[in-house]
């Protein structure tokens, strides 16, 4: 098992203009309030300390995503799970709720993707490779046997600057 220490924390998450195009001011306030509620709800839970137990949950997440098993995906996700994706520049995406996150996971579970387990910041995580090139790093927070948060780094420039030799094929 490879261990990576990375800063995948986003202390100041803002809803970008591209994600809110066409929303009224009132709708934008509602979106921001829902994101903040999900973020604080998840933050209240304490992560499981047993990395092996975390790994089982994360492996189940990837196994369900690979075969497109929506119900099994939802079963390993906390109802208020938050997925944060950093795609570089101003491209940040936030998805909250088990159904929405499971829907995103199904989109990224293609057979061309190789999931290589890693310990990231002391917790279960993974580095995703396509054609033997790292395309994303995923850090998970598991609390009470459920995934409560997923941070995805998919910024090519930042990934290129990481030492991923421990997980490279």
Protein backbone atom coordinates (compact mmCIF):
# COMPACT_ATOMS: atom_id res chain seq x y z
CA UNK A 1 0.00 0.00 0.00
CA UNK A 2 1.34 3.40 -0.95
CA UNK A 3 1.17 6.40 1.33
CA UNK A 4 0.76 9.91 -0.05
CA UNK A 5 0.57 13.09 1.98
CA UNK A 6 -1.37 15.72 0.11
CA UNK A 7 -3.38 18.84 0.71
CA UNK A 8 -6.76 18.09 -0.83
CA UNK A 9 -8.68 20.34 1.55
CA UNK A 10 -10.68 23.25 0.18
CA UNK A 11 -11.20 25.73 3.02
CA UNK A 12 -12.93 28.33 0.83
CA UNK A 13 -15.35 26.64 -1.54
CA UNK A 14 -17.30 29.01 -3.69
CA UNK A 15 -20.02 28.21 -6.17
CA UNK A 16 -18.59 29.22 -9.54
CA UNK A 17 -20.42 31.35 -12.07
CA UNK A 18 -20.55 28.55 -14.63
CA UNK A 19 -22.36 26.29 -12.18
CA UNK A 20 -24.94 28.91 -11.28
CA UNK A 21 -25.71 30.39 -14.69
CA UNK A 22 -29.39 31.15 -15.00
CA UNK A 23 -30.14 31.00 -11.27
CA UNK A 24 -31.92 33.85 -9.57
CA UNK A 25 -30.35 35.48 -6.52
CA UNK A 26 -32.76 33.56 -4.28
CA UNK A 27 -31.92 30.24 -5.92
CA UNK A 28 -28.21 30.96 -5.55
CA UNK A 29 -28.67 31.62 -1.82
CA UNK A 30 -30.50 28.28 -1.51
CA UNK A 31 -27.70 26.41 -3.32
CA UNK A 32 -25.05 27.98 -1.10
CA UNK A 33 -27.08 27.22 2.04
CA UNK A 34 -27.49 23.55 1.02
CA UNK A 35 -23.76 23.22 0.38
CA UNK A 36 -22.92 24.79 3.73
CA UNK A 37 -25.44 22.55 5.51
CA UNK A 38 -23.98 19.44 3.89
CA UNK A 39 -20.43 20.56 4.66
CA UNK A 40 -21.16 21.19 8.37
CA UNK A 41 -23.21 18.00 8.74
CA UNK A 42 -20.34 15.92 7.40
CA UNK A 43 -17.76 17.85 9.42
CA UNK A 44 -19.55 16.90 12.66
CA UNK A 45 -18.84 13.19 12.12
CA UNK A 46 -15.52 11.78 13.30
CA UNK A 47 -13.60 9.74 10.70
CA UNK A 48 -13.12 6.05 11.41
CA UNK A 49 -9.59 5.45 12.69
CA UNK A 50 -9.20 1.92 11.30
CA UNK A 51 -7.65 2.41 7.84
CA UNK A 52 -8.32 -1.25 6.95
CA UNK A 53 -12.05 -0.74 7.61
CA UNK A 54 -11.94 2.49 5.57
CA UNK A 55 -10.25 0.56 2.74
CA UNK A 56 -13.09 -2.00 2.69
CA UNK A 57 -15.67 0.77 2.25
CA UNK A 58 -13.61 2.58 -0.42
CA UNK A 59 -12.99 -0.69 -2.29
CA UNK A 60 -16.74 -1.42 -2.19
CA UNK A 61 -17.36 2.08 -3.62
CA UNK A 62 -15.05 1.43 -6.57
CA UNK A 63 -16.37 -2.11 -7.14
CA UNK A 64 -19.96 -0.84 -7.28
CA UNK A 65 -18.97 2.03 -9.56
CA UNK A 66 -17.15 -0.27 -11.96
CA UNK A 67 -20.25 -2.43 -12.52
CA UNK A 68 -22.69 0.50 -12.35
CA UNK A 69 -24.53 -0.82 -9.28
CA UNK A 70 -26.31 2.36 -8.17
CA UNK A 71 -27.95 0.82 -5.07
CA UNK A 72 -24.65 -0.58 -3.81
CA UNK A 73 -22.96 2.79 -4.41
CA UNK A 74 -25.63 4.57 -2.38
CA UNK A 75 -25.31 1.96 0.40
CA UNK A 76 -21.68 2.95 1.16
CA UNK A 77 -22.38 6.70 1.02
CA UNK A 78 -23.62 8.84 3.91
CA UNK A 79 -26.91 10.56 2.92
CA UNK A 80 -25.18 13.98 3.20
CA UNK A 81 -21.93 12.97 1.47
CA UNK A 82 -20.08 15.81 -0.28
CA UNK A 83 -17.88 15.29 -3.32
CA UNK A 84 -15.50 18.14 -4.15
CA UNK A 85 -13.59 18.05 -7.42
CA UNK A 86 -10.68 20.33 -8.33
CA UNK A 87 -10.13 20.30 -12.09
CA UNK A 88 -7.65 23.17 -12.17
CA UNK A 89 -8.00 26.90 -12.58
CA UNK A 90 -11.44 28.01 -11.46
CA UNK A 91 -13.01 24.65 -12.31
CA UNK A 92 -14.29 23.29 -9.01
CA UNK A 93 -17.33 21.09 -8.80
CA UNK A 94 -19.28 20.27 -5.65
CA UNK A 95 -21.91 17.54 -5.55
CA UNK A 96 -23.82 16.65 -2.39
CA UNK A 97 -26.17 13.87 -1.41
CA UNK A 98 -25.80 10.11 -1.83
CA UNK A 99 -27.89 9.83 -5.00
CA UNK A 100 -26.07 12.68 -6.75
CA UNK A 101 -22.61 11.43 -5.76
CA UNK A 102 -23.49 7.86 -6.78
CA UNK A 103 -24.62 9.19 -10.16
CA UNK A 104 -21.25 10.90 -10.62
CA UNK A 105 -19.37 7.75 -9.55
CA UNK A 106 -21.15 5.70 -12.21
CA UNK A 107 -19.90 8.15 -14.86
CA UNK A 108 -16.28 7.60 -13.85
CA UNK A 109 -16.31 3.83 -13.40
CA UNK A 110 -15.23 2.94 -16.92
CA UNK A 111 -13.15 -0.15 -17.68
CA UNK A 112 -10.29 2.03 -18.99
CA UNK A 113 -9.67 3.38 -15.48
CA UNK A 114 -7.29 1.59 -13.16
CA UNK A 115 -7.80 2.25 -9.46
CA UNK A 116 -4.62 1.97 -7.42
CA UNK A 117 -5.16 2.03 -3.66
CA UNK A 118 -3.19 4.58 -1.66
CA UNK A 119 -3.23 5.98 1.83
CA UNK A 120 -3.75 9.73 1.54
CA UNK A 121 -3.22 11.91 4.59
CA UNK A 122 -3.51 8.81 6.77
CA UNK A 123 -6.81 7.62 5.28
CA UNK A 124 -7.98 5.31 2.50
CA UNK A 125 -7.75 6.83 -0.95
CA UNK A 126 -6.81 6.02 -4.52
CA UNK A 127 -4.94 7.23 -7.54
CA UNK A 128 -6.78 6.71 -10.82
CA UNK A 129 -4.78 5.88 -13.94
CA UNK A 130 -5.80 5.80 -17.60
CA UNK A 131 -3.26 4.37 -20.05
CA UNK A 132 -0.72 4.23 -17.19
CA UNK A 133 -1.02 8.00 -16.61
CA UNK A 134 -2.39 9.39 -13.34
CA UNK A 135 -5.57 11.37 -14.02
CA UNK A 136 -6.92 11.90 -10.52
CA UNK A 137 -6.22 11.45 -6.84
CA UNK A 138 -9.14 10.70 -4.56
CA UNK A 139 -9.17 11.16 -0.78
CA UNK A 140 -12.05 9.74 1.25
CA UNK A 141 -13.45 10.42 4.70
CA UNK A 142 -15.21 7.37 6.16
CA UNK A 143 -17.21 7.77 9.38
CA UNK A 144 -19.42 5.14 11.00
CA UNK A 145 -18.87 2.85 8.02
CA UNK A 146 -20.09 5.37 5.42
CA UNK A 147 -18.25 7.68 3.04
CA UNK A 148 -18.98 11.22 4.20
CA UNK A 149 -16.64 13.15 1.90
CA UNK A 150 -14.65 12.62 -1.27
CA UNK A 151 -12.02 15.09 -2.45
CA UNK A 152 -10.90 14.64 -6.04
CA UNK A 153 -7.83 16.28 -7.48
CA UNK A 154 -8.01 16.12 -11.28
CA UNK A 155 -5.90 19.17 -12.08
CA UNK A 156 -3.34 17.92 -14.63
CA UNK A 157 -0.76 20.53 -13.66
CA UNK A 158 -0.96 19.74 -9.94
CA UNK A 159 -0.95 15.98 -10.56
CA UNK A 160 2.14 16.34 -12.75
CA UNK A 161 3.93 17.93 -9.80
CA UNK A 162 3.17 15.05 -7.41
CA UNK A 163 5.53 12.21 -6.69
CA UNK A 164 3.30 9.23 -7.47
CA UNK A 165 6.16 6.78 -7.98
CA UNK A 166 4.85 4.66 -5.07
CA UNK A 167 1.66 3.88 -7.02
CA UNK A 168 2.99 4.07 -10.57
CA UNK A 169 3.04 0.76 -12.47
